[in-house]
Structures are given as C-alpha cells and as structure tokens.
C-alpha cells in the first residue's frame, strides 16, 4: 500500500480499498471506470428499447447503495445485467410491456435479498463446499474467456456471431490503435499516467475514430442539455415473474464469481469481510429499486474488475465516483450523448485486454489456492467445467437458456454435491 498522493511509482505498489485519493486524480480514475462499463451497460437498455440515461441513473444509485451496504470495503460497480436478455425478449414477443417485465426484475432482487439473509445466518461454509478452489478458479477463468469472442467482434474481427463475415479493416485499425496505446501506457509510463492507461487509450482511440469517419455528432446536436430520468412504476404479473425469476440463479453465480475475482485482485477475502451476504444484499436491493422504478437488473461488472487489475487502484471511493458520474449523466442529455458517440471498436480494443485479465485472475486462483490436480476430484471439476463453459453447450428450460458460465456453475454445483455425498458415505477413494 502507498501514500495515495503519490500514485504508483513502481509496479509493486497499489492503492488500497479504503484509501482516499486527491480529487483531481480521483476524477479521471472514476471516468476511466465509467468508460469501461459504458458500452456494455448502455447496450442492455438499447436492446430492451428503454431510456439509457434512466438506466445510467439507477446504475449510479445502485453503485452508491452497494458501497454503503458493503461498508465501503468492496470496489464494485453495478451495471446492467445481460443475463435477462433471453427471457425479456421472450416476454416482449408475447406482448408484455416493459413495466410488467419490471415486476419480474423486482422479484429477482427479492430472491437476491433472501439468499443474502440465509448466507448471513448460515455463513460461507456451504458456499465454499459448493465452489471449491478447483471449481471457482475454472468458473472465474470462463467469465473472462467466454467474453473473448464479444471483444473480438467489437474490435472488428467477426468471430463472435456478428452479422458480417468479413474483416472490418477500419474497425480493426481503431481497436488495435486503442489496444496498443493501453499496452504501451501500462509498460512504459510511470507515476499517475500509468494508472489511467484505459482512459488514455480511449481518448487516442476516439481521436483515431474521428479521423477514420466513425464518430457521428448528430445525436449530440439533437440532445437536450437537461433531461429527467424516465420513472415508470413496475406492474406485477405472475407469468412474467416466473419467466424472469430463474435467471436470478445465473446472476447469483456470476456475483459469487466476481466477488472471488475481486478478492484475488485486491488481496482480501471480501466474502468474509464485509461478507458475501452484504455483497448479495447490496446487489439485491439495487435490483429491487431499479426494477421498481423503470430500470434493468444490476450486477457487478467484469469490465470494472479488469480495470482494478490493470491499474492497481482498488479504492472504493474511485468506484463510487463512477457511480456519482452515472447519476449526473442521468440528468445530462448532452454529456450522455457525447459518451455514446464512442465507437464500438474503441471499446473492443480495451475489452480484449480487460476480459483477458479476468481470465488470468481465475488461473491465479489455482496457484494461490495450491490446487492439487493430481487429485481426481480437482482434475474432474476443472476439466468438465472448462468444456461445458467454453464449448457452447446450451440447456433450455422454458424461456431460460443456460450456457457458458451459468451452465458451468450448475455443473460445478452438481459435481461438488456428488463428491460431498460420496465423502459422507465414505466411498471416495481419496481424501478430501
């Protein structure tokens, strides 16, 4: 840990979770987190055809609420969750309006809150049994790797299911200029400039995009200076609730994985202090508020976890600053419109590195937890989880589609429970 007035003079230093940073340095660091999450967090409301500025507003509210509930001990930004896209689009096809869909979001938050209370009373023991290091390291790695094709797509390489099948040379140039800038800033710059490589990369990428003809300012010219968040109260329908609710399991698994990643990065067991129950409660209450008043469910964001790993600035005050900026953007039509002009390949270039750092954090779990792969249970857990998570296998249950990290997590739970039962029966051929 270091004096935060003197940020990162060598690569072994870091800014701890509870450290405060001078305002003039905290502002660009917070904006960097905002840029990291912006593309993904705004994409969800665009898919759902709801107002992005309203979603940004509630993302900010949720982030600040989360910081308060977790006693300012977990640096996490709460952004828009992708886990609900399939059930929401299914409900849209059945003629449901968004206010009715919001009711399902509210019950997802209630489910989060209920599980948080259970964890608070029963402790983390059963969670650790369900997710031993061999399983959790694999899941964390998959969280990063399953996003790899999305990063490549955004960077101009059509590998992740994009509509075009040819290389977009213009996008590739912009994304590679952005990525190379971030890399060079990380390995060459010193002091404070080393801490904001993503922000520098986005600025350079944005300028490159402008000269490549990818920036359209028409939305900025047409935007109002001041807007009011579009508040709409949730309506409740049992079918909509039952359609949305199963996706909560996927988000809870994602939440546990993200907390493990963050713990690994900051060097603290955040699941114990302040506790997984507080983390789940913060996310749950944020989702309840968002769903009740016109926004989408929230989740801890992998992009921002990647920023923590790259910059070594773990201060929760920086993350909270990003939440405060999100709230401001909820009222500022011009600024929000300007940020929305950042071209996709700029975000793609940054994402190639961010998603990779999440994956390597999972691999680091194997090393730090000293996972012994000579033991059959560890080898089986990691092997099957990796194949299920990365193969594209899908499991459809009604309107809920499980794949990738979500399905891999369920498989991990089933295998772990089986091994626990075998241990209790004394029929395992090796010790736990």
Protein backbone atom coordinates (compact mmCIF):
# COMPACT_ATOMS: atom_id res chain seq x y z
CA UNK A 1 0.00 0.00 0.00
CA UNK A 2 1.18 3.54 -0.66
CA UNK A 3 0.53 7.17 0.01
CA UNK A 4 -2.30 7.92 -2.42
CA UNK A 5 -0.84 11.39 -3.06
CA UNK A 6 1.97 9.61 -4.82
CA UNK A 7 0.23 7.11 -7.02
CA UNK A 8 2.17 4.07 -8.26
CA UNK A 9 5.83 4.87 -8.67
CA UNK A 10 6.65 1.18 -9.09
CA UNK A 11 4.67 -1.87 -10.12
CA UNK A 12 4.61 -3.41 -6.64
CA UNK A 13 2.58 -0.55 -5.22
CA UNK A 14 -1.20 -0.27 -5.09
CA UNK A 15 -3.94 1.97 -3.74
CA UNK A 16 -5.89 0.02 -1.11
CA UNK A 17 -9.66 -0.36 -1.00
CA UNK A 18 -10.28 2.13 1.79
CA UNK A 19 -7.75 4.77 0.69
CA UNK A 20 -8.92 8.18 -0.41
CA UNK A 21 -7.37 9.86 -3.46
CA UNK A 22 -6.99 13.60 -4.15
CA UNK A 23 -9.97 14.88 -6.12
CA UNK A 24 -8.04 15.94 -9.23
CA UNK A 25 -6.67 12.41 -9.55
CA UNK A 26 -9.84 10.64 -8.50
CA UNK A 27 -11.91 12.29 -11.25
CA UNK A 28 -10.05 10.79 -14.25
CA UNK A 29 -9.82 7.43 -12.45
CA UNK A 30 -13.60 7.44 -11.93
CA UNK A 31 -14.20 8.48 -15.55
CA UNK A 32 -11.97 5.58 -16.62
CA UNK A 33 -14.27 3.15 -14.79
CA UNK A 34 -17.26 4.85 -16.38
CA UNK A 35 -15.82 4.35 -19.88
CA UNK A 36 -15.02 0.71 -19.12
CA UNK A 37 -18.62 -0.14 -18.24
CA UNK A 38 -20.40 2.32 -20.52
CA UNK A 39 -20.67 0.30 -23.73
CA UNK A 40 -21.97 -2.87 -22.07
CA UNK A 41 -24.22 -1.15 -19.55
CA UNK A 42 -25.92 1.01 -22.17
CA UNK A 43 -26.26 -1.89 -24.62
CA UNK A 44 -28.84 -3.64 -22.41
CA UNK A 45 -31.38 -0.77 -22.37
CA UNK A 46 -30.85 -0.32 -26.10
CA UNK A 47 -31.79 -3.98 -26.62
CA UNK A 48 -34.78 -3.60 -24.28
CA UNK A 49 -35.74 -0.31 -26.03
CA UNK A 50 -35.78 1.73 -22.83
CA UNK A 51 -34.12 5.04 -21.97
CA UNK A 52 -30.33 4.55 -21.42
CA UNK A 53 -29.98 7.69 -19.29
CA UNK A 54 -32.54 6.33 -16.84
CA UNK A 55 -30.57 3.08 -16.62
CA UNK A 56 -27.33 5.01 -16.03
CA UNK A 57 -29.04 6.96 -13.26
CA UNK A 58 -30.14 3.81 -11.43
CA UNK A 59 -26.78 2.11 -12.04
CA UNK A 60 -25.22 5.03 -10.19
CA UNK A 61 -27.78 4.83 -7.37
CA UNK A 62 -27.16 1.09 -7.10
CA UNK A 63 -23.38 1.51 -7.01
CA UNK A 64 -23.52 4.04 -4.17
CA UNK A 65 -26.06 1.91 -2.26
CA UNK A 66 -23.81 -1.13 -2.71
CA UNK A 67 -20.80 0.78 -1.35
CA UNK A 68 -22.82 1.81 1.71
CA UNK A 69 -24.17 -1.69 2.44
CA UNK A 70 -20.73 -3.30 2.00
CA UNK A 71 -19.22 -0.76 4.43
CA UNK A 72 -17.06 0.75 1.65
CA UNK A 73 -14.95 -2.40 1.57
CA UNK A 74 -15.73 -3.80 -1.90
CA UNK A 75 -14.76 -1.79 -5.01
CA UNK A 76 -17.54 -2.83 -7.38
CA UNK A 77 -19.60 -1.00 -10.00
CA UNK A 78 -23.16 -2.22 -10.54
CA UNK A 79 -24.07 -2.15 -14.22
CA UNK A 80 -26.85 -3.56 -16.41
CA UNK A 81 -27.08 -7.36 -16.37
CA UNK A 82 -27.01 -9.33 -19.64
CA UNK A 83 -28.49 -12.45 -18.03
CA UNK A 84 -32.09 -11.34 -18.63
CA UNK A 85 -31.96 -10.65 -22.35
CA UNK A 86 -33.45 -14.00 -23.44
CA UNK A 87 -36.45 -14.05 -21.04
CA UNK A 88 -37.17 -10.35 -21.61
CA UNK A 89 -37.21 -10.72 -25.39
CA UNK A 90 -39.44 -13.77 -24.96
CA UNK A 91 -41.92 -11.72 -22.92
CA UNK A 92 -41.81 -8.93 -25.50
CA UNK A 93 -42.77 -11.47 -28.18
CA UNK A 94 -45.78 -12.44 -26.04
CA UNK A 95 -46.98 -8.83 -25.95
CA UNK A 96 -45.86 -7.83 -22.45
CA UNK A 97 -44.83 -4.22 -21.89
CA UNK A 98 -41.67 -3.20 -20.06
CA UNK A 99 -43.47 -2.09 -16.90
CA UNK A 100 -44.84 -5.61 -16.46
CA UNK A 101 -41.39 -7.05 -17.12
CA UNK A 102 -40.05 -4.75 -14.38
CA UNK A 103 -42.15 -6.72 -11.89
CA UNK A 104 -40.03 -9.77 -12.66
CA UNK A 105 -36.89 -7.72 -12.02
CA UNK A 106 -38.21 -6.71 -8.59
CA UNK A 107 -38.68 -10.38 -7.61
CA UNK A 108 -35.15 -11.17 -8.80
CA UNK A 109 -33.93 -8.57 -6.32
CA UNK A 110 -36.10 -10.12 -3.62
CA UNK A 111 -34.53 -13.53 -4.36
CA UNK A 112 -31.06 -11.98 -4.05
CA UNK A 113 -32.03 -10.44 -0.72
CA UNK A 114 -33.44 -13.71 0.62
CA UNK A 115 -30.25 -15.61 -0.24
CA UNK A 116 -28.21 -12.82 1.35
CA UNK A 117 -30.14 -13.28 4.60
CA UNK A 118 -29.61 -17.06 4.50
CA UNK A 119 -25.86 -16.62 3.93
CA UNK A 120 -25.75 -14.08 6.75
CA UNK A 121 -27.21 -16.60 9.21
CA UNK A 122 -25.57 -19.82 7.98
CA UNK A 123 -22.15 -18.47 6.99
CA UNK A 124 -19.97 -19.14 3.96
CA UNK A 125 -19.17 -22.78 4.69
CA UNK A 126 -21.74 -24.30 2.38
CA UNK A 127 -20.80 -21.86 -0.38
CA UNK A 128 -17.14 -22.89 -0.11
CA UNK A 129 -18.19 -26.54 -0.28
CA UNK A 130 -20.22 -25.91 -3.42
CA UNK A 131 -17.40 -23.88 -5.00
CA UNK A 132 -14.01 -25.38 -4.03
CA UNK A 133 -10.92 -23.66 -5.49
CA UNK A 134 -10.71 -26.03 -8.48
CA UNK A 135 -14.29 -25.15 -9.43
CA UNK A 136 -14.12 -21.45 -8.65
CA UNK A 137 -10.83 -20.94 -10.49
CA UNK A 138 -12.33 -22.57 -13.56
CA UNK A 139 -15.54 -20.51 -13.37
CA UNK A 140 -13.61 -17.27 -12.95
CA UNK A 141 -11.46 -18.09 -15.98
CA UNK A 142 -14.57 -18.84 -18.04
CA UNK A 143 -16.09 -15.48 -17.05
CA UNK A 144 -13.26 -13.81 -18.94
CA UNK A 145 -12.82 -16.29 -21.78
CA UNK A 146 -16.48 -16.56 -22.76
CA UNK A 147 -16.43 -12.80 -23.38
CA UNK A 148 -13.40 -13.11 -25.66
CA UNK A 149 -15.43 -13.51 -28.85
CA UNK A 150 -17.51 -10.44 -27.95
CA UNK A 151 -14.32 -8.41 -27.57
CA UNK A 152 -13.06 -9.66 -30.93
CA UNK A 153 -16.39 -8.81 -32.55
CA UNK A 154 -16.32 -5.28 -31.20
CA UNK A 155 -12.72 -4.93 -32.33
CA UNK A 156 -13.67 -5.71 -35.94
CA UNK A 157 -12.86 -9.42 -36.07
CA UNK A 158 -16.13 -11.26 -36.93
CA UNK A 159 -15.67 -14.33 -34.73
CA UNK A 160 -18.39 -13.98 -32.11
CA UNK A 161 -21.56 -14.21 -34.15
CA UNK A 162 -21.59 -10.80 -35.83
CA UNK A 163 -23.78 -10.25 -38.86
CA UNK A 164 -20.83 -9.66 -41.19
CA UNK A 165 -18.38 -12.42 -42.05
CA UNK A 166 -15.57 -10.23 -43.35
CA UNK A 167 -12.85 -8.36 -41.52
CA UNK A 168 -13.78 -4.72 -40.85
CA UNK A 169 -10.42 -3.10 -41.60
CA UNK A 170 -11.43 0.34 -40.30
CA UNK A 171 -12.63 -1.09 -37.01
CA UNK A 172 -9.50 -3.23 -36.68
CA UNK A 173 -7.25 -0.20 -37.16
CA UNK A 174 -9.12 1.77 -34.49
CA UNK A 175 -9.29 -1.12 -32.00
CA UNK A 176 -5.62 -2.01 -32.43
CA UNK A 177 -4.52 1.62 -32.02
CA UNK A 178 -6.59 1.70 -28.81
CA UNK A 179 -5.23 -1.61 -27.52
CA UNK A 180 -1.61 -0.81 -28.35
CA UNK A 181 -1.95 2.57 -26.62
CA UNK A 182 -3.25 0.90 -23.46
CA UNK A 183 -0.43 -1.67 -23.54
CA UNK A 184 2.31 0.92 -24.08
CA UNK A 185 0.89 3.12 -21.31
CA UNK A 186 0.94 0.13 -18.96
CA UNK A 187 4.52 -0.90 -19.63
CA UNK A 188 6.21 2.42 -20.41
CA UNK A 189 4.56 5.20 -18.40
CA UNK A 190 5.25 5.89 -14.74
CA UNK A 191 3.51 7.60 -11.86
CA UNK A 192 -0.07 8.77 -12.28
CA UNK A 193 -0.14 8.29 -16.08
CA UNK A 194 0.46 4.56 -15.56
CA UNK A 195 -2.77 4.41 -13.55
CA UNK A 196 -5.04 5.71 -16.32
CA UNK A 197 -3.98 3.65 -19.36
CA UNK A 198 -7.55 2.80 -20.34
CA UNK A 199 -8.66 6.42 -20.28
CA UNK A 200 -5.64 7.43 -22.39
CA UNK A 201 -6.30 4.54 -24.78
CA UNK A 202 -9.95 5.53 -25.20
CA UNK A 203 -9.02 9.16 -25.90
CA UNK A 204 -6.43 8.12 -28.51
CA UNK A 205 -8.89 5.61 -29.99
CA UNK A 206 -11.63 8.23 -30.11
CA UNK A 207 -9.39 10.70 -31.97
CA UNK A 208 -8.39 7.94 -34.39
CA UNK A 209 -12.07 7.08 -34.90
CA UNK A 210 -12.86 10.69 -35.71
CA UNK A 211 -10.27 10.81 -38.49
CA UNK A 212 -11.49 7.40 -39.73
CA UNK A 213 -15.03 8.80 -40.07
CA UNK A 214 -16.61 6.68 -37.30
CA UNK A 215 -17.78 9.49 -35.00
CA UNK A 216 -21.28 10.89 -35.56
CA UNK A 217 -22.10 14.05 -33.58
CA UNK A 218 -25.73 14.29 -34.76
CA UNK A 219 -27.06 12.71 -31.56
CA UNK A 220 -25.11 15.27 -29.51
CA UNK A 221 -26.52 18.19 -31.51
CA UNK A 222 -30.08 16.90 -31.10
CA UNK A 223 -29.77 16.04 -27.39
CA UNK A 224 -31.16 18.25 -24.64
CA UNK A 225 -28.82 19.75 -22.04
CA UNK A 226 -31.03 18.57 -19.18
CA UNK A 227 -33.24 15.51 -19.01
CA UNK A 228 -35.20 13.89 -16.19
CA UNK A 229 -34.92 10.13 -15.61
CA UNK A 230 -37.92 8.38 -17.11
CA UNK A 231 -39.50 6.89 -13.97
CA UNK A 232 -42.10 4.16 -14.55
CA UNK A 233 -43.56 2.06 -11.74
CA UNK A 234 -43.48 -1.71 -12.09
CA UNK A 235 -46.59 -3.78 -12.76
CA UNK A 236 -46.78 -7.35 -11.48
CA UNK A 237 -47.88 -10.39 -13.47
CA UNK A 238 -47.24 -13.95 -12.27
CA UNK A 239 -46.29 -15.34 -15.69
CA UNK A 240 -43.80 -12.52 -16.26
CA UNK A 241 -42.33 -13.05 -12.78
CA UNK A 242 -41.93 -16.82 -13.29
CA UNK A 243 -40.35 -16.23 -16.69
CA UNK A 244 -37.79 -13.75 -15.37
CA UNK A 245 -37.04 -15.27 -11.95
CA UNK A 246 -34.94 -18.33 -13.00
CA UNK A 247 -32.29 -16.04 -14.47
CA UNK A 248 -31.58 -14.87 -10.91
CA UNK A 249 -29.63 -18.09 -10.34
CA UNK A 250 -27.26 -17.23 -13.18
CA UNK A 251 -26.67 -13.72 -11.82
CA UNK A 252 -26.08 -15.02 -8.28
CA UNK A 253 -23.46 -17.45 -9.60
CA UNK A 254 -21.91 -14.62 -11.59
CA UNK A 255 -21.92 -12.42 -8.48
CA UNK A 256 -20.09 -15.04 -6.38
CA UNK A 257 -17.54 -15.49 -9.17
CA UNK A 258 -16.96 -11.75 -9.50
CA UNK A 259 -16.50 -11.39 -5.73
CA UNK A 260 -13.88 -14.15 -5.80
CA UNK A 261 -12.10 -12.40 -8.69
CA UNK A 262 -12.13 -9.07 -6.88
CA UNK A 263 -10.87 -10.72 -3.68
CA UNK A 264 -7.99 -12.25 -5.61
CA UNK A 265 -7.09 -8.92 -7.21
CA UNK A 266 -7.20 -6.75 -4.06
CA UNK A 267 -5.65 -9.40 -1.82
CA UNK A 268 -8.51 -9.53 0.69
CA UNK A 269 -11.14 -12.17 1.46
CA UNK A 270 -14.13 -9.97 0.69
CA UNK A 271 -16.52 -12.90 1.05
CA UNK A 272 -15.66 -12.91 4.77
CA UNK A 273 -15.18 -9.18 5.40
CA UNK A 274 -17.53 -7.44 4.80
CA UNK A 275 -19.15 -10.72 3.76
CA UNK A 276 -20.86 -12.34 0.80
CA UNK A 277 -24.23 -11.65 2.46
CA UNK A 278 -23.63 -7.89 2.38
CA UNK A 279 -22.50 -8.05 -1.23
CA UNK A 280 -25.58 -10.03 -2.28
CA UNK A 281 -27.83 -7.72 -0.27
CA UNK A 282 -26.38 -4.62 -1.95
CA UNK A 283 -26.92 -6.11 -5.41
CA UNK A 284 -30.39 -7.34 -4.48
CA UNK A 285 -31.63 -4.01 -3.12
CA UNK A 286 -30.17 -2.23 -6.15
CA UNK A 287 -32.10 -4.56 -8.47
CA UNK A 288 -35.32 -4.06 -6.47
CA UNK A 289 -35.03 -0.27 -6.78
CA UNK A 290 -34.07 -0.42 -10.47
CA UNK A 291 -36.90 -2.79 -11.33
CA UNK A 292 -39.48 -0.89 -9.32
CA UNK A 293 -38.83 2.48 -10.96
CA UNK A 294 -38.07 1.76 -14.62
CA UNK A 295 -34.56 0.36 -15.00
CA UNK A 296 -32.98 -3.07 -15.50
CA UNK A 297 -31.41 -5.56 -13.05
CA UNK A 298 -27.88 -4.76 -11.92
CA UNK A 299 -24.81 -6.91 -11.46
CA UNK A 300 -21.18 -6.47 -10.51
CA UNK A 301 -19.27 -5.68 -13.68
CA UNK A 302 -16.37 -7.70 -15.08
CA UNK A 303 -15.10 -4.74 -17.12
CA UNK A 304 -14.53 -2.72 -13.97
CA UNK A 305 -12.87 -5.65 -12.24
CA UNK A 306 -10.47 -5.71 -15.18
CA UNK A 307 -9.71 -2.01 -14.60
CA UNK A 308 -8.83 -2.80 -10.96
CA UNK A 309 -6.41 -5.49 -12.07
CA UNK A 310 -4.71 -3.27 -14.64
CA UNK A 311 -4.39 -0.09 -12.62
CA UNK A 312 -3.85 -1.48 -9.09
CA UNK A 313 -6.09 1.32 -7.83
CA UNK A 314 -8.62 -0.52 -5.66
CA UNK A 315 -10.12 2.49 -3.87
CA UNK A 316 -13.87 2.16 -3.36
CA UNK A 317 -14.04 5.95 -3.50
CA UNK A 318 -12.96 5.86 -7.16
CA UNK A 319 -15.71 3.34 -7.96
CA UNK A 320 -18.22 5.43 -6.02
CA UNK A 321 -17.08 8.42 -8.06
CA UNK A 322 -18.01 6.49 -11.21
CA UNK A 323 -21.43 5.85 -9.67
CA UNK A 324 -21.86 9.55 -8.93
CA UNK A 325 -20.93 10.44 -12.51
CA UNK A 326 -23.53 7.92 -13.72
CA UNK A 327 -26.19 9.71 -11.68
CA UNK A 328 -25.14 13.05 -13.19
CA UNK A 329 -25.32 11.54 -16.67
CA UNK A 330 -28.87 10.51 -15.89
CA UNK A 331 -29.73 14.21 -15.95
CA UNK A 332 -27.33 15.34 -18.69
CA UNK A 333 -28.54 14.64 -22.19
CA UNK A 334 -25.56 16.27 -23.96
CA UNK A 335 -22.82 14.52 -21.98
CA UNK A 336 -24.55 11.16 -22.17
CA UNK A 337 -24.99 11.61 -25.93
CA UNK A 338 -21.33 12.57 -26.31
CA UNK A 339 -20.13 9.47 -24.47
CA UNK A 340 -22.47 7.35 -26.56
CA UNK A 341 -20.59 8.51 -29.68
CA UNK A 342 -17.56 6.46 -28.61
CA UNK A 343 -17.34 3.93 -31.47
CA UNK A 344 -17.65 0.21 -30.78
CA UNK A 345 -14.09 -0.66 -31.92
CA UNK A 346 -12.64 1.64 -29.24
CA UNK A 347 -14.49 -0.35 -26.56
CA UNK A 348 -13.49 -3.54 -28.37
CA UNK A 349 -9.79 -2.71 -28.23
CA UNK A 350 -9.96 -2.08 -24.49
CA UNK A 351 -12.11 -5.18 -23.89
CA UNK A 352 -9.52 -7.52 -25.42
CA UNK A 353 -7.23 -6.71 -22.51
CA UNK A 354 -9.89 -6.29 -19.81
CA UNK A 355 -11.57 -9.65 -20.42
CA UNK A 356 -8.18 -11.34 -20.56
CA UNK A 357 -7.22 -10.03 -17.13
CA UNK A 358 -10.37 -11.59 -15.67
CA UNK A 359 -9.43 -14.97 -17.14
CA UNK A 360 -5.89 -14.79 -15.79
CA UNK A 361 -7.28 -13.93 -12.35
CA UNK A 362 -9.02 -17.29 -12.43
CA UNK A 363 -5.79 -19.06 -13.33
CA UNK A 364 -4.12 -17.22 -10.46
CA UNK A 365 -6.67 -18.82 -8.12
CA UNK A 366 -5.27 -22.27 -8.96
CA UNK A 367 -1.79 -21.11 -7.97
CA UNK A 368 -2.66 -19.15 -4.83
CA UNK A 369 -5.02 -21.84 -3.50
CA UNK A 370 -2.44 -24.54 -4.35
CA UNK A 371 -4.99 -26.66 -6.24
CA UNK A 372 -3.63 -30.21 -6.50
CA UNK A 373 -4.57 -31.57 -9.91
CA UNK A 374 -3.16 -34.97 -9.04
CA UNK A 375 -6.39 -35.41 -7.07
CA UNK A 376 -9.14 -36.83 -9.25
CA UNK A 377 -11.87 -34.54 -7.92
CA UNK A 378 -9.93 -31.38 -8.77
CA UNK A 379 -8.97 -32.62 -12.21
CA UNK A 380 -12.55 -33.68 -12.98
CA UNK A 381 -14.07 -30.42 -11.73
CA UNK A 382 -11.76 -28.19 -13.74
CA UNK A 383 -11.86 -30.34 -16.89
CA UNK A 384 -15.62 -30.67 -17.14
CA UNK A 385 -16.32 -27.06 -16.11
CA UNK A 386 -13.96 -25.75 -18.80
CA UNK A 387 -15.52 -27.87 -21.56
CA UNK A 388 -19.12 -27.14 -20.54
CA UNK A 389 -18.39 -23.43 -20.16
CA UNK A 390 -16.41 -22.94 -23.36
CA UNK A 391 -17.98 -25.45 -25.76
CA UNK A 392 -21.21 -23.58 -26.44
CA UNK A 393 -23.40 -26.29 -24.90
CA UNK A 394 -26.87 -24.90 -24.13
CA UNK A 395 -29.58 -26.06 -21.75
CA UNK A 396 -33.06 -24.63 -22.36
CA UNK A 397 -35.58 -24.69 -19.52
CA UNK A 398 -38.75 -22.99 -20.74
CA UNK A 399 -37.78 -19.41 -21.53
CA UNK A 400 -34.47 -19.68 -19.68
CA UNK A 401 -31.36 -20.57 -21.68
CA UNK A 402 -28.32 -21.67 -19.70
CA UNK A 403 -24.89 -21.73 -21.28
CA UNK A 404 -21.33 -20.62 -20.68
CA UNK A 405 -20.50 -19.62 -17.13
CA UNK A 406 -24.09 -20.08 -15.91
CA UNK A 407 -24.35 -23.70 -17.07
CA UNK A 408 -20.78 -24.43 -15.96
CA UNK A 409 -21.68 -23.17 -12.48
CA UNK A 410 -24.67 -25.54 -12.26
CA UNK A 411 -22.47 -28.44 -13.38
CA UNK A 412 -19.90 -27.44 -10.75
CA UNK A 413 -22.58 -27.47 -8.03
CA UNK A 414 -23.88 -30.90 -9.10
CA UNK A 415 -20.37 -32.40 -9.16
CA UNK A 416 -19.40 -30.80 -5.84
CA UNK A 417 -22.60 -32.03 -4.17
CA UNK A 418 -21.96 -35.53 -5.53
CA UNK A 419 -18.43 -35.56 -4.14
CA UNK A 420 -19.70 -34.26 -0.78
CA UNK A 421 -22.24 -37.12 -0.61
CA UNK A 422 -19.58 -39.65 -1.55
CA UNK A 423 -17.34 -38.24 1.21
CA UNK A 424 -20.12 -38.58 3.79
CA UNK A 425 -20.74 -42.16 2.71
CA UNK A 426 -17.01 -42.92 2.94
CA UNK A 427 -16.84 -44.37 -0.55
CA UNK A 428 -14.41 -41.88 -2.14
CA UNK A 429 -11.06 -43.47 -2.97
CA UNK A 430 -9.10 -40.35 -1.93
CA UNK A 431 -9.29 -37.93 0.98
CA UNK A 432 -10.97 -34.55 0.59
